[in-house]
Amino acid sequence: MNPYLVLGLPPDADDQRIRQVYLDAVKAAPPDHEPERFQAVSQAYEAIKDADQRIRHQLFSQTSESASPMDAFLDFARLQAPRQPPAFETLKTFLRDCARL
């Protein structure tokens, strides 16, 4: 289950937007009229209701049987903290050192 699809939200939605969409969805699908929809909306909201929950969802929803949780963590870290390219001087020094070998 992708909670963003269930709630109709983009993955970069903030806490306030997620809460508002959840409340609107609950009003549109009350538990006594549409119990399956209400349950799906509630589970989706629980999965991404705050920043910590969203991080856990991103880390562990992307793992497959062949991937370890560490692979998922490293993928997440790469997405969250893009590295700056090395400075020109650093590359120049690196190439000089390689040429000496």
N, C-alpha and C. Protein backbone atom coordinates (compact mmCIF):
# COMPACT_ATOMS: atom_id res chain seq x y z
N MET A 1 0.84 -1.18 0.00
CA MET A 1 0.00 0.00 0.00
C MET A 1 0.88 1.24 0.00
N ASN A 2 0.62 2.14 -0.91
CA ASN A 2 1.31 3.41 -0.94
C ASN A 2 0.40 4.46 -0.30
N PRO A 3 0.75 4.94 0.90
CA PRO A 3 -0.15 5.88 1.59
C PRO A 3 -0.35 7.18 0.84
N TYR A 4 0.63 7.58 0.06
CA TYR A 4 0.49 8.82 -0.71
C TYR A 4 -0.58 8.67 -1.79
N LEU A 5 -0.64 7.49 -2.41
CA LEU A 5 -1.68 7.26 -3.41
C LEU A 5 -3.05 7.15 -2.77
N VAL A 6 -3.13 6.49 -1.63
CA VAL A 6 -4.42 6.34 -0.94
C VAL A 6 -4.99 7.70 -0.57
N LEU A 7 -4.12 8.58 -0.06
CA LEU A 7 -4.58 9.91 0.35
C LEU A 7 -4.58 10.92 -0.78
N GLY A 8 -3.96 10.57 -1.91
CA GLY A 8 -3.90 11.51 -3.03
C GLY A 8 -2.97 12.67 -2.77
N LEU A 9 -1.82 12.37 -2.19
CA LEU A 9 -0.84 13.40 -1.83
C LEU A 9 0.48 13.20 -2.57
N PRO A 10 1.23 14.28 -2.79
CA PRO A 10 2.59 14.11 -3.30
C PRO A 10 3.51 13.69 -2.15
N PRO A 11 4.61 13.00 -2.43
CA PRO A 11 5.51 12.54 -1.37
C PRO A 11 6.15 13.66 -0.55
N ASP A 12 6.14 14.89 -1.05
CA ASP A 12 6.76 15.98 -0.31
C ASP A 12 5.76 16.82 0.49
N ALA A 13 4.56 16.29 0.71
CA ALA A 13 3.54 17.02 1.46
C ALA A 13 3.97 17.20 2.92
N ASP A 14 3.61 18.34 3.50
CA ASP A 14 3.98 18.61 4.88
C ASP A 14 2.91 18.08 5.85
N ASP A 15 3.23 18.15 7.16
CA ASP A 15 2.33 17.61 8.19
C ASP A 15 0.93 18.20 8.11
N GLN A 16 0.86 19.51 7.95
CA GLN A 16 -0.44 20.17 7.93
C GLN A 16 -1.29 19.71 6.75
N ARG A 17 -0.68 19.62 5.59
CA ARG A 17 -1.41 19.18 4.39
C ARG A 17 -1.88 17.73 4.53
N ILE A 18 -1.02 16.87 5.08
CA ILE A 18 -1.38 15.46 5.28
C ILE A 18 -2.57 15.35 6.23
N ARG A 19 -2.53 16.09 7.32
CA ARG A 19 -3.62 16.05 8.30
C ARG A 19 -4.93 16.55 7.68
N GLN A 20 -4.85 17.63 6.91
CA GLN A 20 -6.06 18.18 6.30
C GLN A 20 -6.69 17.21 5.31
N VAL A 21 -5.86 16.58 4.48
CA VAL A 21 -6.37 15.61 3.50
C VAL A 21 -6.96 14.41 4.23
N TYR A 22 -6.32 13.98 5.31
CA TYR A 22 -6.85 12.86 6.10
C TYR A 22 -8.23 13.19 6.68
N LEU A 23 -8.35 14.37 7.28
CA LEU A 23 -9.64 14.75 7.86
C LEU A 23 -10.73 14.86 6.80
N ASP A 24 -10.37 15.40 5.64
CA ASP A 24 -11.34 15.47 4.54
C ASP A 24 -11.75 14.07 4.07
N ALA A 25 -10.80 13.16 3.99
CA ALA A 25 -11.09 11.79 3.55
C ALA A 25 -11.97 11.06 4.56
N VAL A 26 -11.74 11.30 5.85
CA VAL A 26 -12.56 10.66 6.89
C VAL A 26 -13.99 11.18 6.82
N LYS A 27 -14.13 12.47 6.56
CA LYS A 27 -15.48 13.03 6.43
C LYS A 27 -16.20 12.45 5.21
N ALA A 28 -15.44 12.23 4.13
CA ALA A 28 -16.04 11.71 2.91
C ALA A 28 -16.35 10.21 3.00
N ALA A 29 -15.61 9.49 3.84
CA ALA A 29 -15.80 8.05 3.98
C ALA A 29 -15.88 7.67 5.44
N PRO A 30 -17.00 7.98 6.11
CA PRO A 30 -17.12 7.65 7.53
C PRO A 30 -17.11 6.13 7.74
N PRO A 31 -16.68 5.68 8.91
CA PRO A 31 -16.54 4.23 9.15
C PRO A 31 -17.84 3.45 9.05
N ASP A 32 -18.96 4.07 9.35
CA ASP A 32 -20.21 3.32 9.29
C ASP A 32 -20.77 3.22 7.86
N HIS A 33 -20.32 4.07 6.94
CA HIS A 33 -20.79 4.01 5.55
C HIS A 33 -19.83 3.28 4.62
N GLU A 34 -18.54 3.55 4.78
CA GLU A 34 -17.53 2.92 3.92
C GLU A 34 -16.38 2.39 4.80
N PRO A 35 -16.57 1.27 5.48
CA PRO A 35 -15.55 0.81 6.43
C PRO A 35 -14.22 0.45 5.76
N GLU A 36 -14.23 -0.11 4.55
CA GLU A 36 -12.97 -0.48 3.89
C GLU A 36 -12.16 0.76 3.54
N ARG A 37 -12.84 1.76 2.99
CA ARG A 37 -12.16 3.01 2.62
C ARG A 37 -11.65 3.72 3.86
N PHE A 38 -12.46 3.75 4.91
CA PHE A 38 -12.03 4.38 6.15
C PHE A 38 -10.79 3.70 6.72
N GLN A 39 -10.77 2.37 6.69
CA GLN A 39 -9.62 1.63 7.20
C GLN A 39 -8.37 1.92 6.36
N ALA A 40 -8.51 1.96 5.04
CA ALA A 40 -7.37 2.24 4.17
C ALA A 40 -6.83 3.65 4.42
N VAL A 41 -7.72 4.61 4.56
CA VAL A 41 -7.31 6.00 4.82
C VAL A 41 -6.62 6.10 6.17
N SER A 42 -7.17 5.43 7.18
CA SER A 42 -6.57 5.47 8.52
C SER A 42 -5.18 4.84 8.53
N GLN A 43 -5.02 3.71 7.85
CA GLN A 43 -3.71 3.06 7.79
C GLN A 43 -2.71 3.93 7.04
N ALA A 44 -3.15 4.56 5.97
CA ALA A 44 -2.27 5.44 5.21
C ALA A 44 -1.83 6.62 6.06
N TYR A 45 -2.76 7.21 6.79
CA TYR A 45 -2.42 8.34 7.65
C TYR A 45 -1.44 7.93 8.75
N GLU A 46 -1.67 6.79 9.36
CA GLU A 46 -0.77 6.30 10.42
C GLU A 46 0.65 6.09 9.88
N ALA A 47 0.76 5.70 8.62
CA ALA A 47 2.08 5.42 8.05
C ALA A 47 2.88 6.69 7.80
N ILE A 48 2.21 7.84 7.58
CA ILE A 48 2.95 9.06 7.21
C ILE A 48 2.52 10.29 7.99
N LYS A 49 1.93 10.12 9.17
CA LYS A 49 1.34 11.26 9.87
C LYS A 49 2.34 12.29 10.39
N ASP A 50 3.58 11.90 10.63
CA ASP A 50 4.59 12.88 11.04
C ASP A 50 5.92 12.55 10.37
N ALA A 51 6.89 13.42 10.57
CA ALA A 51 8.18 13.27 9.86
C ALA A 51 8.85 11.94 10.18
N ASP A 52 8.82 11.51 11.43
CA ASP A 52 9.46 10.24 11.80
C ASP A 52 8.78 9.06 11.11
N GLN A 53 7.46 9.09 11.08
CA GLN A 53 6.72 8.02 10.41
C GLN A 53 7.04 7.99 8.91
N ARG A 54 7.14 9.17 8.30
CA ARG A 54 7.45 9.23 6.86
C ARG A 54 8.83 8.66 6.58
N ILE A 55 9.80 8.96 7.44
CA ILE A 55 11.15 8.42 7.27
C ILE A 55 11.12 6.90 7.37
N ARG A 56 10.44 6.38 8.39
CA ARG A 56 10.33 4.92 8.53
C ARG A 56 9.66 4.30 7.31
N HIS A 57 8.61 4.94 6.84
CA HIS A 57 7.91 4.42 5.66
C HIS A 57 8.85 4.41 4.45
N GLN A 58 9.59 5.48 4.24
CA GLN A 58 10.50 5.55 3.10
C GLN A 58 11.61 4.52 3.22
N LEU A 59 12.10 4.30 4.43
CA LEU A 59 13.18 3.33 4.62
C LEU A 59 12.73 1.90 4.39
N PHE A 60 11.61 1.53 4.98
CA PHE A 60 11.25 0.12 5.00
C PHE A 60 10.24 -0.29 3.94
N SER A 61 9.60 0.66 3.28
CA SER A 61 8.67 0.26 2.23
C SER A 61 9.40 -0.04 0.93
N GLN A 62 10.65 0.40 0.83
CA GLN A 62 11.40 0.19 -0.41
C GLN A 62 12.23 -1.08 -0.39
N THR A 63 12.26 -1.77 0.73
CA THR A 63 13.06 -2.99 0.79
C THR A 63 12.32 -4.13 0.13
N SER A 64 13.03 -4.93 -0.59
CA SER A 64 12.45 -6.14 -1.18
C SER A 64 13.05 -7.33 -0.42
N GLU A 65 12.67 -8.52 -0.82
CA GLU A 65 13.19 -9.70 -0.13
C GLU A 65 14.69 -9.83 -0.32
N SER A 66 15.20 -9.36 -1.46
CA SER A 66 16.64 -9.49 -1.71
C SER A 66 17.45 -8.34 -1.12
N ALA A 67 16.79 -7.25 -0.78
CA ALA A 67 17.51 -6.10 -0.24
C ALA A 67 17.47 -6.13 1.29
N SER A 68 18.55 -5.68 1.89
CA SER A 68 18.59 -5.62 3.34
C SER A 68 18.12 -4.24 3.80
N PRO A 69 17.74 -4.10 5.06
CA PRO A 69 17.37 -2.78 5.56
C PRO A 69 18.52 -1.78 5.44
N MET A 70 19.76 -2.27 5.51
CA MET A 70 20.90 -1.37 5.36
C MET A 70 20.96 -0.80 3.94
N ASP A 71 20.62 -1.61 2.94
CA ASP A 71 20.56 -1.10 1.57
C ASP A 71 19.52 0.00 1.46
N ALA A 72 18.38 -0.21 2.07
CA ALA A 72 17.33 0.80 2.04
C ALA A 72 17.78 2.07 2.73
N PHE A 73 18.47 1.92 3.87
CA PHE A 73 18.96 3.09 4.59
C PHE A 73 19.96 3.87 3.74
N LEU A 74 20.88 3.16 3.10
CA LEU A 74 21.88 3.84 2.28
C LEU A 74 21.24 4.54 1.08
N ASP A 75 20.25 3.90 0.47
CA ASP A 75 19.53 4.55 -0.62
C ASP A 75 18.84 5.82 -0.13
N PHE A 76 18.21 5.72 1.03
CA PHE A 76 17.53 6.88 1.60
C PHE A 76 18.52 8.00 1.90
N ALA A 77 19.67 7.66 2.48
CA ALA A 77 20.68 8.66 2.81
C ALA A 77 21.19 9.33 1.54
N ARG A 78 21.36 8.58 0.49
CA ARG A 78 21.82 9.16 -0.77
C ARG A 78 20.78 10.13 -1.33
N LEU A 79 19.50 9.81 -1.18
CA LEU A 79 18.45 10.70 -1.68
C LEU A 79 18.32 11.96 -0.84
N GLN A 80 18.50 11.84 0.47
CA GLN A 80 18.29 12.97 1.35
C GLN A 80 19.46 13.94 1.39
N ALA A 81 20.66 13.45 1.22
CA ALA A 81 21.83 14.31 1.36
C ALA A 81 22.71 14.20 0.12
N PRO A 82 22.32 14.87 -0.95
CA PRO A 82 23.16 14.79 -2.14
C PRO A 82 24.51 15.43 -1.87
N ARG A 83 25.53 14.78 -2.33
CA ARG A 83 26.88 15.28 -2.10
C ARG A 83 27.22 16.36 -3.11
N GLN A 84 28.02 17.29 -2.63
CA GLN A 84 28.53 18.33 -3.51
C GLN A 84 29.69 17.76 -4.32
N PRO A 85 29.82 18.14 -5.57
CA PRO A 85 30.96 17.65 -6.32
C PRO A 85 32.25 18.19 -5.71
N PRO A 86 33.34 17.44 -5.81
CA PRO A 86 34.59 17.91 -5.22
C PRO A 86 35.07 19.17 -5.93
N ALA A 87 35.80 19.96 -5.18
CA ALA A 87 36.35 21.20 -5.73
C ALA A 87 37.40 20.86 -6.78
N PHE A 88 37.63 21.79 -7.70
CA PHE A 88 38.58 21.58 -8.78
C PHE A 88 39.98 21.28 -8.23
N GLU A 89 40.38 22.02 -7.21
CA GLU A 89 41.72 21.81 -6.62
C GLU A 89 41.86 20.41 -6.03
N THR A 90 40.81 19.91 -5.45
CA THR A 90 40.83 18.56 -4.89
C THR A 90 41.01 17.53 -5.99
N LEU A 91 40.30 17.71 -7.09
CA LEU A 91 40.45 16.80 -8.23
C LEU A 91 41.85 16.87 -8.83
N LYS A 92 42.37 18.08 -8.92
CA LYS A 92 43.70 18.26 -9.49
C LYS A 92 44.75 17.55 -8.63
N THR A 93 44.65 17.69 -7.32
CA THR A 93 45.57 17.02 -6.40
C THR A 93 45.42 15.52 -6.52
N PHE A 94 44.21 15.04 -6.59
CA PHE A 94 43.96 13.61 -6.71
C PHE A 94 44.60 13.06 -7.98
N LEU A 95 44.41 13.77 -9.10
CA LEU A 95 44.99 13.30 -10.37
C LEU A 95 46.52 13.33 -10.35
N ARG A 96 47.09 14.35 -9.71
CA ARG A 96 48.56 14.39 -9.56
C ARG A 96 49.07 13.18 -8.78
N ASP A 97 48.36 12.88 -7.68
CA ASP A 97 48.76 11.75 -6.86
C ASP A 97 48.64 10.42 -7.62
N CYS A 98 47.59 10.31 -8.42
CA CYS A 98 47.42 9.09 -9.23
C CYS A 98 48.52 8.97 -10.28
N ALA A 99 48.93 10.11 -10.86
CA ALA A 99 49.96 10.07 -11.89
C ALA A 99 51.32 9.63 -11.32
N ARG A 100 51.55 9.89 -10.04
CA ARG A 100 52.81 9.50 -9.40
C ARG A 100 52.90 8.00 -9.23
N LEU A 101 51.76 7.33 -9.15
CA LEU A 101 51.77 5.89 -8.93
C LEU A 101 52.18 5.20 -10.14
